[in-house]
Amino acid sequence: MDINVASRLYELRRKKGMSQEELADAIGVTRQAVSKWERGESSPDTDNLIALARLYEVSLDELVGLTVDREQRDNEQVDSGEQQEGDFDNKEDSSYININSDNIDIASGKSRVNINSSGIYINDGKEEVSINKSIKNPIKKNLYSSSILSLVVVIAYILLGSIGGWWHPGWLVFLLIPIISGVEFSIRQKNPMAFPYPLICVLIYLILGFRWSFWHPYWVIFITIPLYYTIVNAIRKSSKAS
């Protein structure tokens, strides 16, 4: 299957808010089949394509990405002008990076990380983890909702802007709210999978870009995200086995 079709099937499922197991139950297939579709290792048959289109409320053309709106075409043209062929899409090892205004999609081998407005999703090929579900409540109950933390960040931003003139990119300090909350929760729960490593990578990348214009080739920092979760997951499994 074309990797773009596999990526679209993945994005549609995430937008629907369904796990691979929930989707498999809904259309009567196995979770392994869904996982292979989204990794581009196999293709759904005609009946399953129709079932997916009905479930996602899209046409078959939209399901397989044949219908692309004007904004997507413009973005693809801009991306193609800035990226050399093969930089972000290597079909031989299924490793690629897709970055746009509201989505970061990273794959390395069988591992995959997707960052969007709904949260952070990690799939190492065997297990899927939704980071947003893990840290949503702790963030709300702890530092994220703390008026003290919010006040400190606002004051820091005002000082950066009024004294140093750093209204931009000083707004990046607001990313410290979910980062600090995620770090606190990860330490308190002793759960490295909840550590906000992707957000830290985003913060570092934006700082390098806005401050020194190091947009390229420092995007490679995002490649470390699936590697981080793969290593952490391997360590966790090793610890449980021992």
C-alpha atoms as a PDB file:
ATOM      1  CA  MET A   1       0.000   0.000   0.000  1.00  0.00           C
ATOM      2  CA  ASP A   2       1.133   3.560  -0.722  1.00  0.00           C
ATOM      3  CA  ILE A   3       2.550   5.102   2.471  1.00  0.00           C
ATOM      4  CA  ASN A   4       0.373   8.191   1.939  1.00  0.00           C
ATOM      5  CA  VAL A   5      -2.762   6.046   1.963  1.00  0.00           C
ATOM      6  CA  ALA A   6      -1.545   4.280   5.090  1.00  0.00           C
ATOM      7  CA  SER A   7      -0.917   7.651   6.730  1.00  0.00           C
ATOM      8  CA  ARG A   8      -4.414   8.845   5.771  1.00  0.00           C
ATOM      9  CA  LEU A   9      -6.043   5.737   7.261  1.00  0.00           C
ATOM     10  CA  TYR A  10      -4.126   6.421  10.467  1.00  0.00           C
ATOM     11  CA  GLU A  11      -5.136  10.104  10.567  1.00  0.00           C
ATOM     12  CA  LEU A  12      -8.817   9.344   9.911  1.00  0.00           C
ATOM     13  CA  ARG A  13      -8.881   6.830  12.751  1.00  0.00           C
ATOM     14  CA  ARG A  14      -7.252   9.310  15.129  1.00  0.00           C
ATOM     15  CA  LYS A  15      -9.737  12.029  14.135  1.00  0.00           C
ATOM     16  CA  LYS A  16     -12.531   9.574  14.840  1.00  0.00           C
ATOM     17  CA  GLY A  17     -11.054   9.062  18.315  1.00  0.00           C
ATOM     18  CA  MET A  18     -10.854   5.294  17.958  1.00  0.00           C
ATOM     19  CA  SER A  19      -8.134   2.862  18.950  1.00  0.00           C
ATOM     20  CA  GLN A  20      -6.994   0.126  16.587  1.00  0.00           C
ATOM     21  CA  GLU A  21      -8.924  -2.445  18.614  1.00  0.00           C
ATOM     22  CA  GLU A  22     -12.121  -0.362  18.533  1.00  0.00           C
ATOM     23  CA  LEU A  23     -11.847   0.074  14.768  1.00  0.00           C
ATOM     24  CA  ALA A  24     -11.173  -3.630  14.264  1.00  0.00           C
ATOM     25  CA  ASP A  25     -14.295  -4.525  16.289  1.00  0.00           C
ATOM     26  CA  ALA A  26     -16.408  -1.984  14.395  1.00  0.00           C
ATOM     27  CA  ILE A  27     -15.664  -3.405  10.930  1.00  0.00           C
ATOM     28  CA  GLY A  28     -15.084  -7.033  11.915  1.00  0.00           C
ATOM     29  CA  VAL A  29     -11.352  -7.501  11.393  1.00  0.00           C
ATOM     30  CA  THR A  30      -8.372  -8.111  13.668  1.00  0.00           C
ATOM     31  CA  ARG A  31      -6.303  -5.385  15.295  1.00  0.00           C
ATOM     32  CA  GLN A  32      -3.244  -6.806  13.527  1.00  0.00           C
ATOM     33  CA  ALA A  33      -4.948  -6.197  10.171  1.00  0.00           C
ATOM     34  CA  VAL A  34      -5.618  -2.557  11.058  1.00  0.00           C
ATOM     35  CA  SER A  35      -2.019  -2.163  12.223  1.00  0.00           C
ATOM     36  CA  LYS A  36      -0.704  -3.556   8.913  1.00  0.00           C
ATOM     37  CA  TRP A  37      -2.936  -1.168   6.929  1.00  0.00           C
ATOM     38  CA  GLU A  38      -1.612   1.832   8.824  1.00  0.00           C
ATOM     39  CA  ARG A  39       2.011   0.713   8.389  1.00  0.00           C
ATOM     40  CA  GLY A  40       1.506   0.206   4.665  1.00  0.00           C
ATOM     41  CA  GLU A  41       2.254  -3.523   4.856  1.00  0.00           C
ATOM     42  CA  SER A  42      -1.110  -4.580   3.409  1.00  0.00           C
ATOM     43  CA  SER A  43      -4.252  -3.044   1.916  1.00  0.00           C
ATOM     44  CA  PRO A  44      -7.898  -3.382   2.988  1.00  0.00           C
ATOM     45  CA  ASP A  45     -10.088  -5.193   0.469  1.00  0.00           C
ATOM     46  CA  THR A  46     -13.034  -3.523  -1.269  1.00  0.00           C
ATOM     47  CA  ASP A  47     -15.552  -4.480   1.424  1.00  0.00           C
ATOM     48  CA  ASN A  48     -13.327  -3.116   4.173  1.00  0.00           C
ATOM     49  CA  LEU A  49     -12.684   0.087   2.217  1.00  0.00           C
ATOM     50  CA  ILE A  50     -16.423   0.631   1.922  1.00  0.00           C
ATOM     51  CA  ALA A  51     -16.891  -0.096   5.631  1.00  0.00           C
ATOM     52  CA  LEU A  52     -14.103   2.352   6.526  1.00  0.00           C
ATOM     53  CA  ALA A  53     -15.537   5.068   4.279  1.00  0.00           C
ATOM     54  CA  ARG A  54     -18.968   4.710   5.905  1.00  0.00           C
ATOM     55  CA  LEU A  55     -17.488   4.712   9.391  1.00  0.00           C
ATOM     56  CA  TYR A  56     -15.352   7.805   8.755  1.00  0.00           C
ATOM     57  CA  GLU A  57     -18.175   9.480   6.777  1.00  0.00           C
ATOM     58  CA  VAL A  58     -15.993  10.160   3.725  1.00  0.00           C
ATOM     59  CA  SER A  59     -16.091   9.082   0.102  1.00  0.00           C
ATOM     60  CA  LEU A  60     -13.856   6.286  -1.184  1.00  0.00           C
ATOM     61  CA  ASP A  61     -11.795   8.869  -3.079  1.00  0.00           C
ATOM     62  CA  GLU A  62     -11.284  10.855   0.104  1.00  0.00           C
ATOM     63  CA  LEU A  63     -10.474   7.689   2.016  1.00  0.00           C
ATOM     64  CA  VAL A  64      -7.568   6.786  -0.228  1.00  0.00           C
ATOM     65  CA  GLY A  65      -6.475  10.405  -0.660  1.00  0.00           C
ATOM     66  CA  LEU A  66      -7.518  10.910  -4.310  1.00  0.00           C
ATOM     67  CA  THR A  67      -9.445  14.042  -3.348  1.00  0.00           C
ATOM     68  CA  VAL A  68      -7.076  16.696  -2.050  1.00  0.00           C
ATOM     69  CA  ASP A  69      -8.357  20.170  -1.296  1.00  0.00           C
ATOM     70  CA  ARG A  70      -6.627  23.309  -2.531  1.00  0.00           C
ATOM     71  CA  GLU A  71      -5.011  24.094   0.813  1.00  0.00           C
ATOM     72  CA  GLN A  72      -3.434  20.648   1.006  1.00  0.00           C
ATOM     73  CA  ARG A  73      -2.098  21.003  -2.540  1.00  0.00           C
ATOM     74  CA  ASP A  74      -0.589  24.388  -1.710  1.00  0.00           C
ATOM     75  CA  ASN A  75       1.059  22.974   1.393  1.00  0.00           C
ATOM     76  CA  GLU A  76       2.435  20.032  -0.569  1.00  0.00           C
ATOM     77  CA  GLN A  77       3.845  22.395  -3.195  1.00  0.00           C
ATOM     78  CA  VAL A  78       5.551  24.492  -0.519  1.00  0.00           C
ATOM     79  CA  ASP A  79       6.901  21.405   1.189  1.00  0.00           C
ATOM     80  CA  SER A  80       8.181  19.948  -2.075  1.00  0.00           C
ATOM     81  CA  GLY A  81      10.024  23.185  -2.786  1.00  0.00           C
ATOM     82  CA  GLU A  82      11.753  23.168   0.577  1.00  0.00           C
ATOM     83  CA  GLN A  83      12.560  19.484   0.881  1.00  0.00           C
ATOM     84  CA  GLN A  84      14.880  17.479  -1.300  1.00  0.00           C
ATOM     85  CA  GLU A  85      13.483  14.280  -2.715  1.00  0.00           C
ATOM     86  CA  GLY A  86      13.893  11.468  -0.240  1.00  0.00           C
ATOM     87  CA  ASP A  87      14.649  13.637   2.810  1.00  0.00           C
ATOM     88  CA  PHE A  88      11.387  12.992   4.614  1.00  0.00           C
ATOM     89  CA  ASP A  89      10.046   9.922   2.814  1.00  0.00           C
ATOM     90  CA  ASN A  90      11.994   6.705   2.543  1.00  0.00           C
ATOM     91  CA  LYS A  91       9.613   3.995   1.476  1.00  0.00           C
ATOM     92  CA  GLU A  92      12.218   1.256   1.645  1.00  0.00           C
ATOM     93  CA  ASP A  93      12.456   1.406   5.420  1.00  0.00           C
ATOM     94  CA  SER A  94       9.095   3.210   5.966  1.00  0.00           C
ATOM     95  CA  SER A  95      10.873   6.099   7.704  1.00  0.00           C
ATOM     96  CA  TYR A  96       9.622   9.612   7.095  1.00  0.00           C
ATOM     97  CA  ILE A  97       8.747  12.949   8.694  1.00  0.00           C
ATOM     98  CA  ASN A  98       5.694  15.001   7.731  1.00  0.00           C
ATOM     99  CA  ILE A  99       5.397  18.427   9.370  1.00  0.00           C
ATOM    100  CA  ASN A 100       2.651  20.967   8.774  1.00  0.00           C
ATOM    101  CA  SER A 101       0.820  23.672  10.712  1.00  0.00           C
ATOM    102  CA  ASP A 102      -1.325  21.341  12.824  1.00  0.00           C
ATOM    103  CA  ASN A 103       0.290  17.927  12.643  1.00  0.00           C
ATOM    104  CA  ILE A 104       3.681  16.261  13.084  1.00  0.00           C
ATOM    105  CA  ASP A 105       3.858  12.670  11.809  1.00  0.00           C
ATOM    106  CA  ILE A 106       7.098  10.734  12.335  1.00  0.00           C
ATOM    107  CA  ALA A 107       7.912   7.121  11.488  1.00  0.00           C
ATOM    108  CA  SER A 108      11.101   5.140  11.938  1.00  0.00           C
ATOM    109  CA  GLY A 109      10.852   1.515  10.898  1.00  0.00           C
ATOM    110  CA  LYS A 110       7.760   0.121  12.615  1.00  0.00           C
ATOM    111  CA  SER A 111       7.669   2.874  15.247  1.00  0.00           C
ATOM    112  CA  ARG A 112       5.399   5.864  14.737  1.00  0.00           C
ATOM    113  CA  VAL A 113       4.648   9.108  16.577  1.00  0.00           C
ATOM    114  CA  ASN A 114       1.847  11.523  15.723  1.00  0.00           C
ATOM    115  CA  ILE A 115       1.510  14.913  17.428  1.00  0.00           C
ATOM    116  CA  ASN A 116      -1.622  16.979  16.796  1.00  0.00           C
ATOM    117  CA  SER A 117      -4.189  19.103  18.582  1.00  0.00           C
ATOM    118  CA  SER A 118      -5.785  15.992  20.097  1.00  0.00           C
ATOM    119  CA  GLY A 119      -2.616  14.818  21.792  1.00  0.00           C
ATOM    120  CA  ILE A 120       0.413  12.604  21.286  1.00  0.00           C
ATOM    121  CA  TYR A 121       0.134   9.031  19.991  1.00  0.00           C
ATOM    122  CA  ILE A 122       2.938   6.471  19.926  1.00  0.00           C
ATOM    123  CA  ASN A 123       2.930   3.079  18.186  1.00  0.00           C
ATOM    124  CA  ASP A 124       6.047   0.894  18.252  1.00  0.00           C
ATOM    125  CA  GLY A 125       4.488  -1.691  15.944  1.00  0.00           C
ATOM    126  CA  LYS A 126       3.231  -3.844  18.789  1.00  0.00           C
ATOM    127  CA  GLU A 127       1.726  -1.477  21.338  1.00  0.00           C
ATOM    128  CA  GLU A 128      -0.107   1.840  21.019  1.00  0.00           C
ATOM    129  CA  VAL A 129       0.057   4.540  23.674  1.00  0.00           C
ATOM    130  CA  SER A 130      -2.057   7.712  23.867  1.00  0.00           C
ATOM    131  CA  ILE A 131      -0.077  10.286  25.841  1.00  0.00           C
ATOM    132  CA  ASN A 132      -2.975  12.741  25.940  1.00  0.00           C
ATOM    133  CA  LYS A 133      -5.119  10.254  27.864  1.00  0.00           C
ATOM    134  CA  SER A 134      -2.292   9.593  30.309  1.00  0.00           C
ATOM    135  CA  ILE A 135      -1.554  13.199  31.258  1.00  0.00           C
ATOM    136  CA  LYS A 136      -4.901  14.921  30.677  1.00  0.00           C
ATOM    137  CA  ASN A 137      -6.295  14.585  34.182  1.00  0.00           C
ATOM    138  CA  PRO A 138      -3.000  15.106  36.062  1.00  0.00           C
ATOM    139  CA  ILE A 139      -2.336  18.291  34.111  1.00  0.00           C
ATOM    140  CA  LYS A 140      -5.803  19.552  34.903  1.00  0.00           C
ATOM    141  CA  LYS A 141      -5.526  18.669  38.578  1.00  0.00           C
ATOM    142  CA  ASN A 142      -1.930  19.755  39.187  1.00  0.00           C
ATOM    143  CA  LEU A 143       0.439  22.401  37.876  1.00  0.00           C
ATOM    144  CA  TYR A 144      -1.332  23.126  34.581  1.00  0.00           C
ATOM    145  CA  SER A 145      -4.379  24.482  36.389  1.00  0.00           C
ATOM    146  CA  SER A 146      -2.293  26.123  39.090  1.00  0.00           C
ATOM    147  CA  SER A 147      -2.792  29.849  39.137  1.00  0.00           C
ATOM    148  CA  ILE A 148       0.729  30.248  40.527  1.00  0.00           C
ATOM    149  CA  LEU A 149       2.387  28.539  37.564  1.00  0.00           C
ATOM    150  CA  SER A 150       0.224  30.412  35.085  1.00  0.00           C
ATOM    151  CA  LEU A 151       0.946  33.727  36.798  1.00  0.00           C
ATOM    152  CA  VAL A 152       4.701  33.072  36.797  1.00  0.00           C
ATOM    153  CA  VAL A 153       4.660  32.266  33.081  1.00  0.00           C
ATOM    154  CA  VAL A 154       2.601  35.374  32.248  1.00  0.00           C
ATOM    155  CA  ILE A 155       4.931  37.579  34.303  1.00  0.00           C
ATOM    156  CA  ALA A 156       7.969  36.013  32.620  1.00  0.00           C
ATOM    157  CA  TYR A 157       6.468  36.692  29.202  1.00  0.00           C
ATOM    158  CA  ILE A 158       5.685  40.315  30.062  1.00  0.00           C
ATOM    159  CA  LEU A 159       9.224  40.852  31.366  1.00  0.00           C
ATOM    160  CA  LEU A 160      10.763  39.278  28.265  1.00  0.00           C
ATOM    161  CA  GLY A 161       8.635  41.514  26.058  1.00  0.00           C
ATOM    162  CA  SER A 162       8.815  44.802  27.923  1.00  0.00           C
ATOM    163  CA  ILE A 163      12.470  44.656  29.001  1.00  0.00           C
ATOM    164  CA  GLY A 164      14.110  42.603  26.292  1.00  0.00           C
ATOM    165  CA  GLY A 165      11.652  43.247  23.476  1.00  0.00           C
ATOM    166  CA  TRP A 166      11.186  39.496  23.069  1.00  0.00           C
ATOM    167  CA  TRP A 167       7.447  39.421  22.502  1.00  0.00           C
ATOM    168  CA  HIS A 168       8.419  37.028  19.763  1.00  0.00           C
ATOM    169  CA  PRO A 169       9.640  34.351  20.304  1.00  0.00           C
ATOM    170  CA  GLY A 170       9.156  34.968  24.023  1.00  0.00           C
ATOM    171  CA  TRP A 171       5.692  33.409  23.788  1.00  0.00           C
ATOM    172  CA  LEU A 172       7.477  30.051  23.792  1.00  0.00           C
ATOM    173  CA  VAL A 173       7.562  30.288  27.603  1.00  0.00           C
ATOM    174  CA  PHE A 174       3.907  29.220  27.595  1.00  0.00           C
ATOM    175  CA  LEU A 175       5.045  25.779  26.429  1.00  0.00           C
ATOM    176  CA  LEU A 176       6.668  25.430  29.830  1.00  0.00           C
ATOM    177  CA  ILE A 177       3.224  24.953  31.402  1.00  0.00           C
ATOM    178  CA  PRO A 178       2.467  21.538  29.856  1.00  0.00           C
ATOM    179  CA  ILE A 179       6.147  20.593  29.930  1.00  0.00           C
ATOM    180  CA  ILE A 180       6.557  21.238  33.659  1.00  0.00           C
ATOM    181  CA  SER A 181       3.245  19.535  34.372  1.00  0.00           C
ATOM    182  CA  GLY A 182       4.212  16.508  32.310  1.00  0.00           C
ATOM    183  CA  VAL A 183       7.612  16.218  33.975  1.00  0.00           C
ATOM    184  CA  GLU A 184       6.033  16.487  37.425  1.00  0.00           C
ATOM    185  CA  PHE A 185       3.448  13.830  36.605  1.00  0.00           C
ATOM    186  CA  SER A 186       6.021  11.514  35.036  1.00  0.00           C
ATOM    187  CA  ILE A 187       8.233  11.701  38.114  1.00  0.00           C
ATOM    188  CA  ARG A 188       5.349  11.345  40.553  1.00  0.00           C
ATOM    189  CA  GLN A 189       3.912   8.327  38.749  1.00  0.00           C
ATOM    190  CA  LYS A 190       7.365   6.908  37.918  1.00  0.00           C
ATOM    191  CA  ASN A 191       6.157   6.578  34.335  1.00  0.00           C
ATOM    192  CA  PRO A 192       8.761   7.606  31.706  1.00  0.00           C
ATOM    193  CA  MET A 193       6.181   7.043  28.937  1.00  0.00           C
ATOM    194  CA  ALA A 194       4.326  10.121  30.233  1.00  0.00           C
ATOM    195  CA  PHE A 195       7.474  12.274  30.103  1.00  0.00           C
ATOM    196  CA  PRO A 196       6.745  15.163  27.680  1.00  0.00           C
ATOM    197  CA  TYR A 197       9.747  14.437  25.487  1.00  0.00           C
ATOM    198  CA  PRO A 198       7.938  15.388  22.219  1.00  0.00           C
ATOM    199  CA  LEU A 199       6.994  18.809  23.632  1.00  0.00           C
ATOM    200  CA  ILE A 200      10.577  19.372  24.757  1.00  0.00           C
ATOM    201  CA  CYS A 201      11.758  18.541  21.232  1.00  0.00           C
ATOM    202  CA  VAL A 202       9.229  20.999  19.788  1.00  0.00           C
ATOM    203  CA  LEU A 203      10.386  23.730  22.192  1.00  0.00           C
ATOM    204  CA  ILE A 204      14.072  23.157  21.393  1.00  0.00           C
ATOM    205  CA  TYR A 205      13.373  23.116  17.644  1.00  0.00           C
ATOM    206  CA  LEU A 206      11.371  26.360  17.759  1.00  0.00           C
ATOM    207  CA  ILE A 207      14.033  28.090  19.843  1.00  0.00           C
ATOM    208  CA  LEU A 208      16.771  27.024  17.406  1.00  0.00           C
ATOM    209  CA  GLY A 209      14.637  28.143  14.479  1.00  0.00           C
ATOM    210  CA  PHE A 210      13.379  31.482  15.765  1.00  0.00           C
ATOM    211  CA  ARG A 211      16.622  32.508  17.450  1.00  0.00           C
ATOM    212  CA  TRP A 212      19.281  31.258  15.002  1.00  0.00           C
ATOM    213  CA  SER A 213      17.215  30.146  11.955  1.00  0.00           C
ATOM    214  CA  PHE A 214      18.428  26.575  12.418  1.00  0.00           C
ATOM    215  CA  TRP A 215      15.315  25.091  10.793  1.00  0.00           C
ATOM    216  CA  HIS A 216      17.370  22.781   8.640  1.00  0.00           C
ATOM    217  CA  PRO A 217      18.863  20.299   9.362  1.00  0.00           C
ATOM    218  CA  TYR A 218      17.839  20.478  13.019  1.00  0.00           C
ATOM    219  CA  TRP A 219      14.430  18.954  12.236  1.00  0.00           C
ATOM    220  CA  VAL A 220      16.262  15.669  12.796  1.00  0.00           C
ATOM    221  CA  ILE A 221      15.543  16.163  16.501  1.00  0.00           C
ATOM    222  CA  PHE A 222      12.052  14.789  15.827  1.00  0.00           C
ATOM    223  CA  ILE A 223      13.557  11.473  14.731  1.00  0.00           C
ATOM    224  CA  THR A 224      14.623  10.923  18.345  1.00  0.00           C
ATOM    225  CA  ILE A 225      10.964  10.880  19.509  1.00  0.00           C
ATOM    226  CA  PRO A 226      10.077   7.355  18.320  1.00  0.00           C
ATOM    227  CA  LEU A 227      13.547   6.227  19.363  1.00  0.00           C
ATOM    228  CA  TYR A 228      12.933   7.553  22.889  1.00  0.00           C
ATOM    229  CA  TYR A 229       9.651   5.670  23.313  1.00  0.00           C
ATOM    230  CA  THR A 230      11.051   2.528  21.717  1.00  0.00           C
ATOM    231  CA  ILE A 231      13.961   2.513  24.174  1.00  0.00           C
ATOM    232  CA  VAL A 232      11.752   3.332  27.162  1.00  0.00           C
ATOM    233  CA  ASN A 233       9.271   0.620  26.205  1.00  0.00           C
ATOM    234  CA  ALA A 234      12.087  -1.919  25.806  1.00  0.00           C
ATOM    235  CA  ILE A 235      13.479  -1.002  29.237  1.00  0.00           C
ATOM    236  CA  ARG A 236      10.030  -1.342  30.820  1.00  0.00           C
ATOM    237  CA  LYS A 237       9.500  -4.766  29.288  1.00  0.00           C
ATOM    238  CA  SER A 238      12.968  -5.854  30.358  1.00  0.00           C
ATOM    239  CA  SER A 239      12.278  -4.689  33.917  1.00  0.00           C
ATOM    240  CA  LYS A 240       8.951  -6.565  34.036  1.00  0.00           C
ATOM    241  CA  ALA A 241      10.575  -9.722  32.687  1.00  0.00           C
ATOM    242  CA  SER A 242      13.281  -9.600  35.336  1.00  0.00           C
END
